[in-house]
Amino acid sequence: MHDVEIVLDDRPGALADMGEALGRAGISVEGGGGWVIDGRAVMHFLFEDGPAARAALQGAGIATGKMRSVVSVRLRQDQPGQLGAVGRRMAEAGVNIDAVYSDHDHRLVLVVDDTARASAVAGAWVTVPAGETVR
Protein backbone atom coordinates (compact mmCIF):
# COMPACT_ATOMS: atom_id res chain seq x y z
CA MET A 1 0.00 0.00 0.00
CA HIS A 2 1.14 3.50 -0.79
CA ASP A 3 0.22 6.93 0.48
CA VAL A 4 0.16 9.54 -2.25
CA GLU A 5 0.19 13.21 -1.32
CA ILE A 6 -2.12 15.14 -3.64
CA VAL A 7 -2.37 18.91 -3.90
CA LEU A 8 -5.66 20.28 -5.18
CA ASP A 9 -6.86 23.78 -5.88
CA ASP A 10 -9.14 25.13 -3.15
CA ARG A 11 -12.21 25.36 -5.40
CA PRO A 12 -15.51 23.60 -5.95
CA GLY A 13 -15.05 20.48 -8.08
CA ALA A 14 -11.37 19.85 -7.36
CA LEU A 15 -12.10 16.69 -5.38
CA ALA A 16 -14.53 15.53 -8.07
CA ASP A 17 -11.82 16.01 -10.71
CA MET A 18 -9.44 13.88 -8.65
CA GLY A 19 -12.01 11.13 -8.07
CA GLU A 20 -13.03 11.06 -11.71
CA ALA A 21 -9.41 10.77 -12.89
CA LEU A 22 -8.89 7.81 -10.58
CA GLY A 23 -12.20 6.24 -11.63
CA ARG A 24 -11.32 6.48 -15.33
CA ALA A 25 -8.09 4.63 -14.54
CA GLY A 26 -9.93 1.94 -12.54
CA ILE A 27 -8.14 2.90 -9.33
CA SER A 28 -9.86 2.70 -5.95
CA VAL A 29 -9.07 4.81 -2.90
CA GLU A 30 -8.42 2.60 0.14
CA GLY A 31 -8.46 5.35 2.77
CA GLY A 32 -7.27 8.85 3.45
CA GLY A 33 -8.26 12.41 4.04
CA GLY A 34 -7.46 16.00 3.26
CA TRP A 35 -7.47 19.52 4.59
CA VAL A 36 -7.30 23.04 3.23
CA ILE A 37 -4.12 24.68 4.49
CA ASP A 38 -3.09 28.19 3.45
CA GLY A 39 -5.42 28.21 0.45
CA ARG A 40 -4.60 24.80 -1.01
CA ALA A 41 -6.08 21.39 -0.39
CA VAL A 42 -3.47 18.90 0.79
CA MET A 43 -4.69 15.32 0.56
CA HIS A 44 -3.20 12.02 1.63
CA PHE A 45 -4.86 8.98 0.07
CA LEU A 46 -4.06 5.29 0.31
CA PHE A 47 -3.79 3.17 -2.84
CA GLU A 48 -2.96 -0.47 -3.45
CA ASP A 49 -0.95 0.62 -6.50
CA GLY A 50 0.54 4.00 -5.68
CA PRO A 51 2.53 4.39 -8.91
CA ALA A 52 -0.58 3.79 -11.03
CA ALA A 53 -2.61 6.25 -8.95
CA ARG A 54 0.10 8.87 -9.19
CA ALA A 55 0.38 8.41 -12.96
CA ALA A 56 -3.40 8.71 -13.41
CA LEU A 57 -3.51 11.89 -11.36
CA GLN A 58 -0.54 13.48 -13.07
CA GLY A 59 -1.99 12.51 -16.46
CA ALA A 60 -5.09 14.51 -15.53
CA GLY A 61 -3.00 17.54 -14.58
CA ILE A 62 -3.39 17.00 -10.84
CA ALA A 63 -0.31 17.76 -8.74
CA THR A 64 1.12 15.02 -6.55
CA GLY A 65 3.78 15.19 -3.88
CA LYS A 66 5.56 12.37 -2.12
CA MET A 67 4.53 8.75 -2.52
CA ARG A 68 5.47 6.49 0.37
CA SER A 69 4.83 3.05 1.74
CA VAL A 70 2.74 3.07 4.91
CA VAL A 71 2.52 1.19 8.18
CA SER A 72 -0.85 0.28 9.65
CA VAL A 73 -2.04 -0.91 13.03
CA ARG A 74 -5.41 -1.96 14.34
CA LEU A 75 -6.40 -0.09 17.48
CA ARG A 76 -8.76 -1.52 20.09
CA GLN A 77 -11.67 0.86 19.75
CA ASP A 78 -13.08 -0.15 23.14
CA GLN A 79 -9.90 0.99 24.95
CA PRO A 80 -9.41 4.72 25.42
CA GLY A 81 -5.82 5.87 24.97
CA GLN A 82 -4.87 3.59 22.06
CA LEU A 83 -3.82 6.44 19.78
CA GLY A 84 -1.64 7.90 22.52
CA ALA A 85 -0.11 4.51 23.27
CA VAL A 86 0.84 3.69 19.70
CA GLY A 87 2.03 7.26 19.17
CA ARG A 88 4.24 7.01 22.26
CA ARG A 89 5.73 3.71 21.10
CA MET A 90 6.53 5.25 17.71
CA ALA A 91 8.12 8.26 19.42
CA GLU A 92 10.20 6.06 21.71
CA ALA A 93 11.46 4.23 18.60
CA GLY A 94 12.46 7.57 17.09
CA VAL A 95 9.73 7.47 14.42
CA ASN A 96 8.15 10.73 13.28
CA ILE A 97 4.57 10.47 12.03
CA ASP A 98 3.99 12.78 9.07
CA ALA A 99 0.34 11.89 8.37
CA VAL A 100 -2.26 9.66 9.99
CA TYR A 101 -5.70 8.52 8.85
CA SER A 102 -7.92 5.43 8.74
CA ASP A 103 -8.35 2.97 5.91
CA HIS A 104 -11.57 1.26 4.83
CA ASP A 105 -10.72 -1.75 7.01
CA HIS A 106 -10.66 0.34 10.22
CA ARG A 107 -6.88 0.31 10.56
CA LEU A 108 -4.83 3.33 11.55
CA VAL A 109 -2.58 4.25 8.61
CA LEU A 110 0.71 5.93 9.49
CA VAL A 111 2.88 7.81 7.01
CA VAL A 112 6.25 7.92 8.71
CA ASP A 113 9.85 8.97 8.22
CA ASP A 114 11.26 5.50 9.02
CA THR A 115 9.14 2.63 7.72
CA ALA A 116 11.48 -0.07 9.04
CA ARG A 117 11.35 1.14 12.65
CA ALA A 118 7.63 1.85 12.45
CA SER A 119 7.01 -1.65 11.08
CA ALA A 120 8.87 -3.12 14.05
CA VAL A 121 6.69 -1.14 16.46
CA ALA A 122 3.54 -2.18 14.57
CA GLY A 123 4.64 -5.82 14.64
CA ALA A 124 5.11 -5.71 18.40
CA TRP A 125 1.77 -3.93 18.79
CA VAL A 126 -0.23 -6.86 17.40
CA THR A 127 1.42 -9.36 19.73
CA VAL A 128 -0.15 -7.89 22.88
CA PRO A 129 -2.78 -10.37 24.18
CA ALA A 130 -6.44 -9.41 23.73
CA GLY A 131 -7.88 -7.79 26.81
CA GLU A 132 -4.52 -6.47 27.99
CA THR A 133 -4.23 -2.71 28.11
CA VAL A 134 -1.46 -1.44 25.87
CA ARG A 135 0.68 1.27 27.47
C-alpha atoms as a PDB file:
ATOM      1  CA  MET A   1       0.000   0.000   0.000  1.00  0.00           C
ATOM      2  CA  HIS A   2       1.137   3.501  -0.790  1.00  0.00           C
ATOM      3  CA  ASP A   3       0.215   6.927   0.482  1.00  0.00           C
ATOM      4  CA  VAL A   4       0.161   9.541  -2.253  1.00  0.00           C
ATOM      5  CA  GLU A   5       0.194  13.208  -1.318  1.00  0.00           C
ATOM      6  CA  ILE A   6      -2.118  15.137  -3.640  1.00  0.00           C
ATOM      7  CA  VAL A   7      -2.370  18.908  -3.902  1.00  0.00           C
ATOM      8  CA  LEU A   8      -5.660  20.284  -5.183  1.00  0.00           C
ATOM      9  CA  ASP A   9      -6.858  23.775  -5.877  1.00  0.00           C
ATOM     10  CA  ASP A  10      -9.137  25.126  -3.152  1.00  0.00           C
ATOM     11  CA  ARG A  11     -12.210  25.358  -5.396  1.00  0.00           C
ATOM     12  CA  PRO A  12     -15.511  23.596  -5.947  1.00  0.00           C
ATOM     13  CA  GLY A  13     -15.054  20.480  -8.082  1.00  0.00           C
ATOM     14  CA  ALA A  14     -11.366  19.849  -7.361  1.00  0.00           C
ATOM     15  CA  LEU A  15     -12.095  16.687  -5.381  1.00  0.00           C
ATOM     16  CA  ALA A  16     -14.532  15.534  -8.066  1.00  0.00           C
ATOM     17  CA  ASP A  17     -11.821  16.009 -10.711  1.00  0.00           C
ATOM     18  CA  MET A  18      -9.444  13.875  -8.647  1.00  0.00           C
ATOM     19  CA  GLY A  19     -12.014  11.128  -8.073  1.00  0.00           C
ATOM     20  CA  GLU A  20     -13.035  11.056 -11.708  1.00  0.00           C
ATOM     21  CA  ALA A  21      -9.414  10.772 -12.893  1.00  0.00           C
ATOM     22  CA  LEU A  22      -8.888   7.814 -10.577  1.00  0.00           C
ATOM     23  CA  GLY A  23     -12.196   6.241 -11.631  1.00  0.00           C
ATOM     24  CA  ARG A  24     -11.317   6.485 -15.327  1.00  0.00           C
ATOM     25  CA  ALA A  25      -8.085   4.631 -14.540  1.00  0.00           C
ATOM     26  CA  GLY A  26      -9.934   1.940 -12.542  1.00  0.00           C
ATOM     27  CA  ILE A  27      -8.142   2.904  -9.325  1.00  0.00           C
ATOM     28  CA  SER A  28      -9.861   2.696  -5.952  1.00  0.00           C
ATOM     29  CA  VAL A  29      -9.068   4.813  -2.898  1.00  0.00           C
ATOM     30  CA  GLU A  30      -8.422   2.596   0.140  1.00  0.00           C
ATOM     31  CA  GLY A  31      -8.459   5.348   2.772  1.00  0.00           C
ATOM     32  CA  GLY A  32      -7.266   8.849   3.449  1.00  0.00           C
ATOM     33  CA  GLY A  33      -8.258  12.415   4.042  1.00  0.00           C
ATOM     34  CA  GLY A  34      -7.456  15.999   3.263  1.00  0.00           C
ATOM     35  CA  TRP A  35      -7.472  19.522   4.588  1.00  0.00           C
ATOM     36  CA  VAL A  36      -7.300  23.036   3.232  1.00  0.00           C
ATOM     37  CA  ILE A  37      -4.125  24.677   4.490  1.00  0.00           C
ATOM     38  CA  ASP A  38      -3.089  28.192   3.449  1.00  0.00           C
ATOM     39  CA  GLY A  39      -5.423  28.208   0.450  1.00  0.00           C
ATOM     40  CA  ARG A  40      -4.604  24.797  -1.007  1.00  0.00           C
ATOM     41  CA  ALA A  41      -6.076  21.394  -0.386  1.00  0.00           C
ATOM     42  CA  VAL A  42      -3.467  18.900   0.789  1.00  0.00           C
ATOM     43  CA  MET A  43      -4.691  15.319   0.559  1.00  0.00           C
ATOM     44  CA  HIS A  44      -3.203  12.016   1.633  1.00  0.00           C
ATOM     45  CA  PHE A  45      -4.859   8.983   0.074  1.00  0.00           C
ATOM     46  CA  LEU A  46      -4.057   5.290   0.310  1.00  0.00           C
ATOM     47  CA  PHE A  47      -3.787   3.169  -2.835  1.00  0.00           C
ATOM     48  CA  GLU A  48      -2.963  -0.467  -3.446  1.00  0.00           C
ATOM     49  CA  ASP A  49      -0.949   0.617  -6.498  1.00  0.00           C
ATOM     50  CA  GLY A  50       0.542   3.999  -5.682  1.00  0.00           C
ATOM     51  CA  PRO A  51       2.534   4.387  -8.905  1.00  0.00           C
ATOM     52  CA  ALA A  52      -0.584   3.787 -11.033  1.00  0.00           C
ATOM     53  CA  ALA A  53      -2.611   6.253  -8.952  1.00  0.00           C
ATOM     54  CA  ARG A  54       0.097   8.870  -9.192  1.00  0.00           C
ATOM     55  CA  ALA A  55       0.384   8.405 -12.961  1.00  0.00           C
ATOM     56  CA  ALA A  56      -3.397   8.711 -13.409  1.00  0.00           C
ATOM     57  CA  LEU A  57      -3.508  11.892 -11.357  1.00  0.00           C
ATOM     58  CA  GLN A  58      -0.537  13.485 -13.072  1.00  0.00           C
ATOM     59  CA  GLY A  59      -1.986  12.511 -16.459  1.00  0.00           C
ATOM     60  CA  ALA A  60      -5.090  14.507 -15.532  1.00  0.00           C
ATOM     61  CA  GLY A  61      -2.998  17.537 -14.585  1.00  0.00           C
ATOM     62  CA  ILE A  62      -3.391  16.995 -10.837  1.00  0.00           C
ATOM     63  CA  ALA A  63      -0.310  17.758  -8.736  1.00  0.00           C
ATOM     64  CA  THR A  64       1.120  15.025  -6.549  1.00  0.00           C
ATOM     65  CA  GLY A  65       3.780  15.193  -3.879  1.00  0.00           C
ATOM     66  CA  LYS A  66       5.564  12.373  -2.121  1.00  0.00           C
ATOM     67  CA  MET A  67       4.534   8.754  -2.521  1.00  0.00           C
ATOM     68  CA  ARG A  68       5.472   6.489   0.370  1.00  0.00           C
ATOM     69  CA  SER A  69       4.832   3.046   1.743  1.00  0.00           C
ATOM     70  CA  VAL A  70       2.744   3.071   4.914  1.00  0.00           C
ATOM     71  CA  VAL A  71       2.519   1.192   8.184  1.00  0.00           C
ATOM     72  CA  SER A  72      -0.846   0.282   9.646  1.00  0.00           C
ATOM     73  CA  VAL A  73      -2.039  -0.915  13.032  1.00  0.00           C
ATOM     74  CA  ARG A  74      -5.406  -1.957  14.344  1.00  0.00           C
ATOM     75  CA  LEU A  75      -6.403  -0.093  17.479  1.00  0.00           C
ATOM     76  CA  ARG A  76      -8.762  -1.520  20.087  1.00  0.00           C
ATOM     77  CA  GLN A  77     -11.675   0.856  19.748  1.00  0.00           C
ATOM     78  CA  ASP A  78     -13.078  -0.154  23.144  1.00  0.00           C
ATOM     79  CA  GLN A  79      -9.903   0.986  24.947  1.00  0.00           C
ATOM     80  CA  PRO A  80      -9.407   4.725  25.418  1.00  0.00           C
ATOM     81  CA  GLY A  81      -5.816   5.867  24.967  1.00  0.00           C
ATOM     82  CA  GLN A  82      -4.871   3.589  22.064  1.00  0.00           C
ATOM     83  CA  LEU A  83      -3.819   6.437  19.783  1.00  0.00           C
ATOM     84  CA  GLY A  84      -1.638   7.896  22.517  1.00  0.00           C
ATOM     85  CA  ALA A  85      -0.111   4.510  23.273  1.00  0.00           C
ATOM     86  CA  VAL A  86       0.843   3.686  19.699  1.00  0.00           C
ATOM     87  CA  GLY A  87       2.028   7.259  19.167  1.00  0.00           C
ATOM     88  CA  ARG A  88       4.241   7.005  22.255  1.00  0.00           C
ATOM     89  CA  ARG A  89       5.733   3.705  21.096  1.00  0.00           C
ATOM     90  CA  MET A  90       6.528   5.249  17.712  1.00  0.00           C
ATOM     91  CA  ALA A  91       8.115   8.262  19.418  1.00  0.00           C
ATOM     92  CA  GLU A  92      10.199   6.060  21.711  1.00  0.00           C
ATOM     93  CA  ALA A  93      11.465   4.227  18.602  1.00  0.00           C
ATOM     94  CA  GLY A  94      12.459   7.575  17.085  1.00  0.00           C
ATOM     95  CA  VAL A  95       9.727   7.470  14.419  1.00  0.00           C
ATOM     96  CA  ASN A  96       8.152  10.734  13.280  1.00  0.00           C
ATOM     97  CA  ILE A  97       4.571  10.467  12.029  1.00  0.00           C
ATOM     98  CA  ASP A  98       3.990  12.778   9.068  1.00  0.00           C
ATOM     99  CA  ALA A  99       0.344  11.888   8.371  1.00  0.00           C
ATOM    100  CA  VAL A 100      -2.259   9.663   9.988  1.00  0.00           C
ATOM    101  CA  TYR A 101      -5.697   8.517   8.846  1.00  0.00           C
ATOM    102  CA  SER A 102      -7.915   5.425   8.744  1.00  0.00           C
ATOM    103  CA  ASP A 103      -8.353   2.967   5.907  1.00  0.00           C
ATOM    104  CA  HIS A 104     -11.567   1.261   4.831  1.00  0.00           C
ATOM    105  CA  ASP A 105     -10.719  -1.750   7.010  1.00  0.00           C
ATOM    106  CA  HIS A 106     -10.661   0.337  10.221  1.00  0.00           C
ATOM    107  CA  ARG A 107      -6.878   0.314  10.559  1.00  0.00           C
ATOM    108  CA  LEU A 108      -4.829   3.327  11.553  1.00  0.00           C
ATOM    109  CA  VAL A 109      -2.577   4.252   8.609  1.00  0.00           C
ATOM    110  CA  LEU A 110       0.711   5.926   9.486  1.00  0.00           C
ATOM    111  CA  VAL A 111       2.876   7.807   7.009  1.00  0.00           C
ATOM    112  CA  VAL A 112       6.249   7.920   8.715  1.00  0.00           C
ATOM    113  CA  ASP A 113       9.854   8.969   8.223  1.00  0.00           C
ATOM    114  CA  ASP A 114      11.260   5.503   9.017  1.00  0.00           C
ATOM    115  CA  THR A 115       9.141   2.633   7.718  1.00  0.00           C
ATOM    116  CA  ALA A 116      11.476  -0.072   9.042  1.00  0.00           C
ATOM    117  CA  ARG A 117      11.354   1.135  12.647  1.00  0.00           C
ATOM    118  CA  ALA A 118       7.625   1.853  12.451  1.00  0.00           C
ATOM    119  CA  SER A 119       7.008  -1.653  11.077  1.00  0.00           C
ATOM    120  CA  ALA A 120       8.873  -3.117  14.047  1.00  0.00           C
ATOM    121  CA  VAL A 121       6.689  -1.138  16.458  1.00  0.00           C
ATOM    122  CA  ALA A 122       3.538  -2.178  14.571  1.00  0.00           C
ATOM    123  CA  GLY A 123       4.635  -5.825  14.637  1.00  0.00           C
ATOM    124  CA  ALA A 124       5.114  -5.710  18.398  1.00  0.00           C
ATOM    125  CA  TRP A 125       1.772  -3.930  18.790  1.00  0.00           C
ATOM    126  CA  VAL A 126      -0.232  -6.859  17.395  1.00  0.00           C
ATOM    127  CA  THR A 127       1.424  -9.365  19.732  1.00  0.00           C
ATOM    128  CA  VAL A 128      -0.152  -7.886  22.880  1.00  0.00           C
ATOM    129  CA  PRO A 129      -2.780 -10.365  24.178  1.00  0.00           C
ATOM    130  CA  ALA A 130      -6.442  -9.408  23.728  1.00  0.00           C
ATOM    131  CA  GLY A 131      -7.884  -7.794  26.812  1.00  0.00           C
ATOM    132  CA  GLU A 132      -4.522  -6.471  27.994  1.00  0.00           C
ATOM    133  CA  THR A 133      -4.227  -2.706  28.106  1.00  0.00           C
ATOM    134  CA  VAL A 134      -1.458  -1.439  25.866  1.00  0.00           C
ATOM    135  CA  ARG A 135       0.675   1.268  27.469  1.00  0.00           C
END
